[in-house]
Amino acid sequence: MQTVITKRELQVPVDVLIRVADVLLENDITNSITGTDEEDGYITIEVEYEKEQRAAIHEAEDIISDYHENEEDEDDDEEDEDED
């Protein structure tokens, strides 16, 4: 049976780069940096993984998603303070 490799790009905010990198390294997920966006503060990482490694990819995506949710919450809090 042939192993299926899936490729995906992750846009990783610099603030959580180390946490995402740890997940990729701990799970032996092949990855390479394919781009950067200094203005928005993220690095694009291409990952290649097998079906058995999907949970690790989901963990990395959750880290990124949680970061964005926290950013939105902080932005909302700042707007509320500005209105007072």
PDB file of N, CA and C in Angstrom:
ATOM      1  N   MET A   1       0.831  -1.183   0.000  1.00  0.00           N
ATOM      2  CA  MET A   1       0.000   0.000   0.000  1.00  0.00           C
ATOM      3  C   MET A   1       0.876   1.247   0.000  1.00  0.00           C
ATOM      4  N   GLN A   2       0.515   2.202  -0.817  1.00  0.00           N
ATOM      5  CA  GLN A   2       1.313   3.404  -0.976  1.00  0.00           C
ATOM      6  C   GLN A   2       0.945   4.437   0.098  1.00  0.00           C
ATOM      7  N   THR A   3       1.965   5.098   0.642  1.00  0.00           N
ATOM      8  CA  THR A   3       1.748   6.134   1.629  1.00  0.00           C
ATOM      9  C   THR A   3       1.364   7.431   0.929  1.00  0.00           C
ATOM     10  N   VAL A   4       0.312   8.063   1.405  1.00  0.00           N
ATOM     11  CA  VAL A   4      -0.146   9.315   0.825  1.00  0.00           C
ATOM     12  C   VAL A   4       0.446  10.468   1.626  1.00  0.00           C
ATOM     13  N   ILE A   5       1.123  11.352   0.927  1.00  0.00           N
ATOM     14  CA  ILE A   5       1.706  12.535   1.544  1.00  0.00           C
ATOM     15  C   ILE A   5       0.832  13.727   1.182  1.00  0.00           C
ATOM     16  N   THR A   6       0.435  14.484   2.191  1.00  0.00           N
ATOM     17  CA  THR A   6      -0.370  15.679   1.976  1.00  0.00           C
ATOM     18  C   THR A   6       0.512  16.899   2.186  1.00  0.00           C
ATOM     19  N   LYS A   7       0.366  17.880   1.314  1.00  0.00           N
ATOM     20  CA  LYS A   7       1.100  19.143   1.454  1.00  0.00           C
ATOM     21  C   LYS A   7       0.107  20.235   1.821  1.00  0.00           C
ATOM     22  N   ARG A   8       0.558  21.124   2.670  1.00  0.00           N
ATOM     23  CA  ARG A   8      -0.280  22.251   3.083  1.00  0.00           C
ATOM     24  C   ARG A   8       0.630  23.409   3.478  1.00  0.00           C
ATOM     25  N   GLU A   9       0.155  24.615   3.283  1.00  0.00           N
ATOM     26  CA  GLU A   9       0.894  25.789   3.731  1.00  0.00           C
ATOM     27  C   GLU A   9       0.238  26.341   4.988  1.00  0.00           C
ATOM     28  N   LEU A  10       1.063  26.668   5.954  1.00  0.00           N
ATOM     29  CA  LEU A  10       0.603  27.291   7.180  1.00  0.00           C
ATOM     30  C   LEU A  10       1.172  28.701   7.250  1.00  0.00           C
ATOM     31  N   GLN A  11       0.330  29.678   7.545  1.00  0.00           N
ATOM     32  CA  GLN A  11       0.812  31.033   7.771  1.00  0.00           C
ATOM     33  C   GLN A  11       0.920  31.207   9.279  1.00  0.00           C
ATOM     34  N   VAL A  12       2.161  31.172   9.760  1.00  0.00           N
ATOM     35  CA  VAL A  12       2.430  31.132  11.187  1.00  0.00           C
ATOM     36  C   VAL A  12       2.849  32.515  11.680  1.00  0.00           C
ATOM     37  N   PRO A  13       2.051  33.107  12.582  1.00  0.00           N
ATOM     38  CA  PRO A  13       2.464  34.388  13.165  1.00  0.00           C
ATOM     39  C   PRO A  13       3.783  34.211  13.910  1.00  0.00           C
ATOM     40  N   VAL A  14       4.643  35.203  13.795  1.00  0.00           N
ATOM     41  CA  VAL A  14       5.966  35.128  14.414  1.00  0.00           C
ATOM     42  C   VAL A  14       5.850  34.885  15.925  1.00  0.00           C
ATOM     43  N   ASP A  15       4.810  35.427  16.554  1.00  0.00           N
ATOM     44  CA  ASP A  15       4.647  35.290  18.003  1.00  0.00           C
ATOM     45  C   ASP A  15       4.446  33.844  18.457  1.00  0.00           C
ATOM     46  N   VAL A  16       3.990  32.961  17.582  1.00  0.00           N
ATOM     47  CA  VAL A  16       3.781  31.556  17.965  1.00  0.00           C
ATOM     48  C   VAL A  16       4.663  30.604  17.159  1.00  0.00           C
ATOM     49  N   LEU A  17       5.639  31.152  16.467  1.00  0.00           N
ATOM     50  CA  LEU A  17       6.492  30.344  15.601  1.00  0.00           C
ATOM     51  C   LEU A  17       7.206  29.224  16.361  1.00  0.00           C
ATOM     52  N   ILE A  18       7.728  29.523  17.527  1.00  0.00           N
ATOM     53  CA  ILE A  18       8.465  28.505  18.282  1.00  0.00           C
ATOM     54  C   ILE A  18       7.539  27.370  18.706  1.00  0.00           C
ATOM     55  N   ARG A  19       6.327  27.693  19.148  1.00  0.00           N
ATOM     56  CA  ARG A  19       5.378  26.646  19.564  1.00  0.00           C
ATOM     57  C   ARG A  19       5.003  25.750  18.389  1.00  0.00           C
ATOM     58  N   VAL A  20       4.742  26.360  17.227  1.00  0.00           N
ATOM     59  CA  VAL A  20       4.395  25.574  16.039  1.00  0.00           C
ATOM     60  C   VAL A  20       5.591  24.726  15.600  1.00  0.00           C
ATOM     61  N   ALA A  21       6.771  25.320  15.609  1.00  0.00           N
ATOM     62  CA  ALA A  21       7.975  24.588  15.221  1.00  0.00           C
ATOM     63  C   ALA A  21       8.197  23.381  16.129  1.00  0.00           C
ATOM     64  N   ASP A  22       7.954  23.546  17.435  1.00  0.00           N
ATOM     65  CA  ASP A  22       8.101  22.425  18.369  1.00  0.00           C
ATOM     66  C   ASP A  22       7.182  21.267  17.995  1.00  0.00           C
ATOM     67  N   VAL A  23       5.932  21.579  17.637  1.00  0.00           N
ATOM     68  CA  VAL A  23       4.972  20.531  17.242  1.00  0.00           C
ATOM     69  C   VAL A  23       5.477  19.806  15.995  1.00  0.00           C
ATOM     70  N   LEU A  24       5.947  20.578  15.013  1.00  0.00           N
ATOM     71  CA  LEU A  24       6.431  19.969  13.769  1.00  0.00           C
ATOM     72  C   LEU A  24       7.648  19.088  14.024  1.00  0.00           C
ATOM     73  N   LEU A  25       8.573  19.575  14.838  1.00  0.00           N
ATOM     74  CA  LEU A  25       9.785  18.808  15.127  1.00  0.00           C
ATOM     75  C   LEU A  25       9.493  17.554  15.938  1.00  0.00           C
ATOM     76  N   GLU A  26       8.643  17.682  16.957  1.00  0.00           N
ATOM     77  CA  GLU A  26       8.325  16.539  17.806  1.00  0.00           C
ATOM     78  C   GLU A  26       7.654  15.414  17.025  1.00  0.00           C
ATOM     79  N   ASN A  27       6.985  15.760  15.927  1.00  0.00           N
ATOM     80  CA  ASN A  27       6.248  14.772  15.149  1.00  0.00           C
ATOM     81  C   ASN A  27       6.909  14.446  13.813  1.00  0.00           C
ATOM     82  N   ASP A  28       8.163  14.865  13.648  1.00  0.00           N
ATOM     83  CA  ASP A  28       8.948  14.572  12.451  1.00  0.00           C
ATOM     84  C   ASP A  28       8.211  14.957  11.167  1.00  0.00           C
ATOM     85  N   ILE A  29       7.587  16.122  11.165  1.00  0.00           N
ATOM     86  CA  ILE A  29       6.864  16.585   9.982  1.00  0.00           C
ATOM     87  C   ILE A  29       7.817  17.393   9.105  1.00  0.00           C
ATOM     88  N   THR A  30       7.926  16.970   7.863  1.00  0.00           N
ATOM     89  CA  THR A  30       8.778  17.661   6.903  1.00  0.00           C
ATOM     90  C   THR A  30       8.209  19.048   6.651  1.00  0.00           C
ATOM     91  N   ASN A  31       9.078  20.051   6.717  1.00  0.00           N
ATOM     92  CA  ASN A  31       8.607  21.421   6.529  1.00  0.00           C
ATOM     93  C   ASN A  31       9.692  22.283   5.921  1.00  0.00           C
ATOM     94  N   SER A  32       9.260  23.358   5.287  1.00  0.00           N
ATOM     95  CA  SER A  32      10.210  24.332   4.762  1.00  0.00           C
ATOM     96  C   SER A  32       9.547  25.701   4.750  1.00  0.00           C
ATOM     97  N   ILE A  33      10.352  26.708   4.985  1.00  0.00           N
ATOM     98  CA  ILE A  33       9.856  28.080   4.935  1.00  0.00           C
ATOM     99  C   ILE A  33       9.780  28.480   3.472  1.00  0.00           C
ATOM    100  N   THR A  34       8.592  28.919   3.053  1.00  0.00           N
ATOM    101  CA  THR A  34       8.405  29.276   1.648  1.00  0.00           C
ATOM    102  C   THR A  34       8.134  30.760   1.445  1.00  0.00           C
ATOM    103  N   GLY A  35       7.944  31.477   2.540  1.00  0.00           N
ATOM    104  CA  GLY A  35       7.695  32.905   2.390  1.00  0.00           C
ATOM    105  C   GLY A  35       7.625  33.612   3.727  1.00  0.00           C
ATOM    106  N   THR A  36       7.685  34.932   3.660  1.00  0.00           N
ATOM    107  CA  THR A  36       7.555  35.755   4.855  1.00  0.00           C
ATOM    108  C   THR A  36       6.694  36.968   4.532  1.00  0.00           C
ATOM    109  N   ASP A  37       6.099  37.524   5.567  1.00  0.00           N
ATOM    110  CA  ASP A  37       5.352  38.764   5.429  1.00  0.00           C
ATOM    111  C   ASP A  37       5.705  39.618   6.640  1.00  0.00           C
ATOM    112  N   GLU A  38       6.691  40.457   6.462  1.00  0.00           N
ATOM    113  CA  GLU A  38       7.189  41.266   7.568  1.00  0.00           C
ATOM    114  C   GLU A  38       6.128  42.247   8.058  1.00  0.00           C
ATOM    115  N   GLU A  39       5.354  42.776   7.129  1.00  0.00           N
ATOM    116  CA  GLU A  39       4.331  43.763   7.487  1.00  0.00           C
ATOM    117  C   GLU A  39       3.271  43.175   8.421  1.00  0.00           C
ATOM    118  N   ASP A  40       2.785  41.977   8.104  1.00  0.00           N
ATOM    119  CA  ASP A  40       1.759  41.335   8.927  1.00  0.00           C
ATOM    120  C   ASP A  40       2.354  40.424  10.001  1.00  0.00           C
ATOM    121  N   GLY A  41       3.669  40.183   9.937  1.00  0.00           N
ATOM    122  CA  GLY A  41       4.348  39.429  10.979  1.00  0.00           C
ATOM    123  C   GLY A  41       4.110  37.931  10.963  1.00  0.00           C
ATOM    124  N   TYR A  42       4.169  37.322   9.787  1.00  0.00           N
ATOM    125  CA  TYR A  42       4.041  35.870   9.744  1.00  0.00           C
ATOM    126  C   TYR A  42       5.015  35.252   8.753  1.00  0.00           C
ATOM    127  N   ILE A  43       5.222  33.961   8.932  1.00  0.00           N
ATOM    128  CA  ILE A  43       6.088  33.158   8.071  1.00  0.00           C
ATOM    129  C   ILE A  43       5.226  32.065   7.457  1.00  0.00           C
ATOM    130  N   THR A  44       5.384  31.833   6.165  1.00  0.00           N
ATOM    131  CA  THR A  44       4.664  30.763   5.495  1.00  0.00           C
ATOM    132  C   THR A  44       5.530  29.511   5.510  1.00  0.00           C
ATOM    133  N   ILE A  45       4.982  28.442   6.048  1.00  0.00           N
ATOM    134  CA  ILE A  45       5.696  27.170   6.141  1.00  0.00           C
ATOM    135  C   ILE A  45       4.906  26.120   5.374  1.00  0.00           C
ATOM    136  N   GLU A  46       5.586  25.431   4.455  1.00  0.00           N
ATOM    137  CA  GLU A  46       4.962  24.312   3.752  1.00  0.00           C
ATOM    138  C   GLU A  46       5.274  23.040   4.530  1.00  0.00           C
ATOM    139  N   VAL A  47       4.230  22.294   4.842  1.00  0.00           N
ATOM    140  CA  VAL A  47       4.404  21.040   5.575  1.00  0.00           C
ATOM    141  C   VAL A  47       3.981  19.878   4.692  1.00  0.00           C
ATOM    142  N   GLU A  48       4.644  18.757   4.877  1.00  0.00           N
ATOM    143  CA  GLU A  48       4.298  17.508   4.201  1.00  0.00           C
ATOM    144  C   GLU A  48       4.104  16.465   5.294  1.00  0.00           C
ATOM    145  N   TYR A  49       2.940  15.831   5.263  1.00  0.00           N
ATOM    146  CA  TYR A  49       2.649  14.895   6.345  1.00  0.00           C
ATOM    147  C   TYR A  49       1.819  13.722   5.849  1.00  0.00           C
ATOM    148  N   GLU A  50       1.889  12.649   6.633  1.00  0.00           N
ATOM    149  CA  GLU A  50       1.117  11.445   6.355  1.00  0.00           C
ATOM    150  C   GLU A  50      -0.151  11.453   7.216  1.00  0.00           C
ATOM    151  N   LYS A  51      -1.068  10.589   6.898  1.00  0.00           N
ATOM    152  CA  LYS A  51      -2.348  10.523   7.600  1.00  0.00           C
ATOM    153  C   LYS A  51      -2.150  10.394   9.113  1.00  0.00           C
ATOM    154  N   GLU A  52      -1.168   9.615   9.514  1.00  0.00           N
ATOM    155  CA  GLU A  52      -0.916   9.390  10.937  1.00  0.00           C
ATOM    156  C   GLU A  52      -0.458  10.658  11.651  1.00  0.00           C
ATOM    157  N   GLN A  53      -0.007  11.646  10.907  1.00  0.00           N
ATOM    158  CA  GLN A  53       0.508  12.885  11.501  1.00  0.00           C
ATOM    159  C   GLN A  53      -0.528  14.023  11.500  1.00  0.00           C
ATOM    160  N   ARG A  54      -1.731  13.731  11.053  1.00  0.00           N
ATOM    161  CA  ARG A  54      -2.763  14.777  10.963  1.00  0.00           C
ATOM    162  C   ARG A  54      -3.043  15.446  12.295  1.00  0.00           C
ATOM    163  N   ALA A  55      -3.032  14.696  13.363  1.00  0.00           N
ATOM    164  CA  ALA A  55      -3.319  15.275  14.683  1.00  0.00           C
ATOM    165  C   ALA A  55      -2.312  16.377  15.028  1.00  0.00           C
ATOM    166  N   ALA A  56      -1.068  16.160  14.654  1.00  0.00           N
ATOM    167  CA  ALA A  56      -0.042  17.174  14.917  1.00  0.00           C
ATOM    168  C   ALA A  56      -0.296  18.433  14.082  1.00  0.00           C
ATOM    169  N   ILE A  57      -0.718  18.255  12.844  1.00  0.00           N
ATOM    170  CA  ILE A  57      -1.036  19.404  11.990  1.00  0.00           C
ATOM    171  C   ILE A  57      -2.211  20.166  12.586  1.00  0.00           C
ATOM    172  N   HIS A  58      -3.207  19.438  13.065  1.00  0.00           N
ATOM    173  CA  HIS A  58      -4.356  20.088  13.696  1.00  0.00           C
ATOM    174  C   HIS A  58      -3.919  20.846  14.955  1.00  0.00           C
ATOM    175  N   GLU A  59      -2.986  20.289  15.688  1.00  0.00           N
ATOM    176  CA  GLU A  59      -2.472  20.963  16.886  1.00  0.00           C
ATOM    177  C   GLU A  59      -1.791  22.279  16.499  1.00  0.00           C
ATOM    178  N   ALA A  60      -0.983  22.247  15.443  1.00  0.00           N
ATOM    179  CA  ALA A  60      -0.317  23.468  14.965  1.00  0.00           C
ATOM    180  C   ALA A  60      -1.351  24.492  14.503  1.00  0.00           C
ATOM    181  N   GLU A  61      -2.368  24.029  13.780  1.00  0.00           N
ATOM    182  CA  GLU A  61      -3.423  24.932  13.310  1.00  0.00           C
ATOM    183  C   GLU A  61      -4.199  25.526  14.488  1.00  0.00           C
ATOM    184  N   ASP A  62      -4.401  24.738  15.537  1.00  0.00           N
ATOM    185  CA  ASP A  62      -5.093  25.243  16.724  1.00  0.00           C
ATOM    186  C   ASP A  62      -4.276  26.343  17.411  1.00  0.00           C
ATOM    187  N   ILE A  63      -2.978  26.166  17.472  1.00  0.00           N
ATOM    188  CA  ILE A  63      -2.112  27.190  18.058  1.00  0.00           C
ATOM    189  C   ILE A  63      -2.271  28.497  17.284  1.00  0.00           C
ATOM    190  N   ILE A  64      -2.249  28.394  15.966  1.00  0.00           N
ATOM    191  CA  ILE A  64      -2.391  29.577  15.107  1.00  0.00           C
ATOM    192  C   ILE A  64      -3.771  30.195  15.287  1.00  0.00           C
ATOM    193  N   SER A  65      -4.808  29.372  15.295  1.00  0.00           N
ATOM    194  CA  SER A  65      -6.177  29.852  15.447  1.00  0.00           C
ATOM    195  C   SER A  65      -6.374  30.538  16.801  1.00  0.00           C
ATOM    196  N   ASP A  66      -5.867  29.920  17.861  1.00  0.00           N
ATOM    197  CA  ASP A  66      -5.975  30.512  19.201  1.00  0.00           C
ATOM    198  C   ASP A  66      -5.278  31.869  19.242  1.00  0.00           C
ATOM    199  N   TYR A  67      -4.140  31.965  18.592  1.00  0.00           N
ATOM    200  CA  TYR A  67      -3.414  33.242  18.546  1.00  0.00           C
ATOM    201  C   TYR A  67      -4.287  34.316  17.896  1.00  0.00           C
ATOM    202  N   HIS A  68      -4.898  33.985  16.751  1.00  0.00           N
ATOM    203  CA  HIS A  68      -5.743  34.961  16.057  1.00  0.00           C
ATOM    204  C   HIS A  68      -6.966  35.350  16.893  1.00  0.00           C
ATOM    205  N   GLU A  69      -7.558  34.387  17.584  1.00  0.00           N
ATOM    206  CA  GLU A  69      -8.701  34.689  18.447  1.00  0.00           C
ATOM    207  C   GLU A  69      -8.295  35.626  19.573  1.00  0.00           C
ATOM    208  N   ASN A  70      -7.138  35.385  20.173  1.00  0.00           N
ATOM    209  CA  ASN A  70      -6.649  36.252  21.247  1.00  0.00           C
ATOM    210  C   ASN A  70      -6.353  37.652  20.723  1.00  0.00           C
ATOM    211  N   GLU A  71      -5.818  37.736  19.513  1.00  0.00           N
ATOM    212  CA  GLU A  71      -5.556  39.035  18.892  1.00  0.00           C
ATOM    213  C   GLU A  71      -6.855  39.813  18.725  1.00  0.00           C
ATOM    214  N   GLU A  72      -7.893  39.134  18.252  1.00  0.00           N
ATOM    215  CA  GLU A  72      -9.192  39.791  18.042  1.00  0.00           C
ATOM    216  C   GLU A  72      -9.770  40.253  19.375  1.00  0.00           C
ATOM    217  N   ASP A  73      -9.641  39.420  20.413  1.00  0.00           N
ATOM    218  CA  ASP A  73     -10.141  39.805  21.733  1.00  0.00           C
ATOM    219  C   ASP A  73      -9.413  41.038  22.251  1.00  0.00           C
ATOM    220  N   GLU A  74      -8.098  41.096  22.063  1.00  0.00           N
ATOM    221  CA  GLU A  74      -7.320  42.252  22.498  1.00  0.00           C
ATOM    222  C   GLU A  74      -7.721  43.497  21.723  1.00  0.00           C
ATOM    223  N   ASP A  75      -7.959  43.355  20.427  1.00  0.00           N
ATOM    224  CA  ASP A  75      -8.395  44.490  19.617  1.00  0.00           C
ATOM    225  C   ASP A  75      -9.747  45.002  20.092  1.00  0.00           C
ATOM    226  N   ASP A  76     -10.659  44.089  20.418  1.00  0.00           N
ATOM    227  CA  ASP A  76     -11.979  44.476  20.919  1.00  0.00           C
ATOM    228  C   ASP A  76     -11.843  45.207  22.256  1.00  0.00           C
ATOM    229  N   ASP A  77     -10.969  44.712  23.133  1.00  0.00           N
ATOM    230  CA  ASP A  77     -10.759  45.350  24.436  1.00  0.00           C
ATOM    231  C   ASP A  77     -10.213  46.765  24.261  1.00  0.00           C
ATOM    232  N   GLU A  78      -9.277  46.943  23.334  1.00  0.00           N
ATOM    233  CA  GLU A  78      -8.709  48.268  23.076  1.00  0.00           C
ATOM    234  C   GLU A  78      -9.773  49.221  22.554  1.00  0.00           C
ATOM    235  N   GLU A  79     -10.654  48.740  21.680  1.00  0.00           N
ATOM    236  CA  GLU A  79     -11.730  49.584  21.156  1.00  0.00           C
ATOM    237  C   GLU A  79     -12.671  49.993  22.268  1.00  0.00           C
ATOM    238  N   ASP A  80     -12.978  49.066  23.185  1.00  0.00           N
ATOM    239  CA  ASP A  80     -13.851  49.383  24.309  1.00  0.00           C
ATOM    240  C   ASP A  80     -13.219  50.447  25.205  1.00  0.00           C
ATOM    241  N   GLU A  81     -11.909  50.366  25.428  1.00  0.00           N
ATOM    242  CA  GLU A  81     -11.216  51.350  26.253  1.00  0.00           C
ATOM    243  C   GLU A  81     -11.219  52.722  25.577  1.00  0.00           C
ATOM    244  N   ASP A  82     -11.078  52.748  24.259  1.00  0.00           N
ATOM    245  CA  ASP A  82     -11.071  54.014  23.516  1.00  0.00           C
ATOM    246  C   ASP A  82     -12.421  54.711  23.598  1.00  0.00           C
ATOM    247  N   GLU A  83     -13.494  53.943  23.718  1.00  0.00           N
ATOM    248  CA  GLU A  83     -14.836  54.505  23.758  1.00  0.00           C
ATOM    249  C   GLU A  83     -15.156  55.121  25.104  1.00  0.00           C
ATOM    250  N   ASP A  84     -14.467  54.674  26.154  1.00  0.00           N
ATOM    251  CA  ASP A  84     -14.739  55.180  27.508  1.00  0.00           C
ATOM    252  C   ASP A  84     -14.256  56.577  27.731  1.00  0.00           C
TER     253      ASP A  84
END
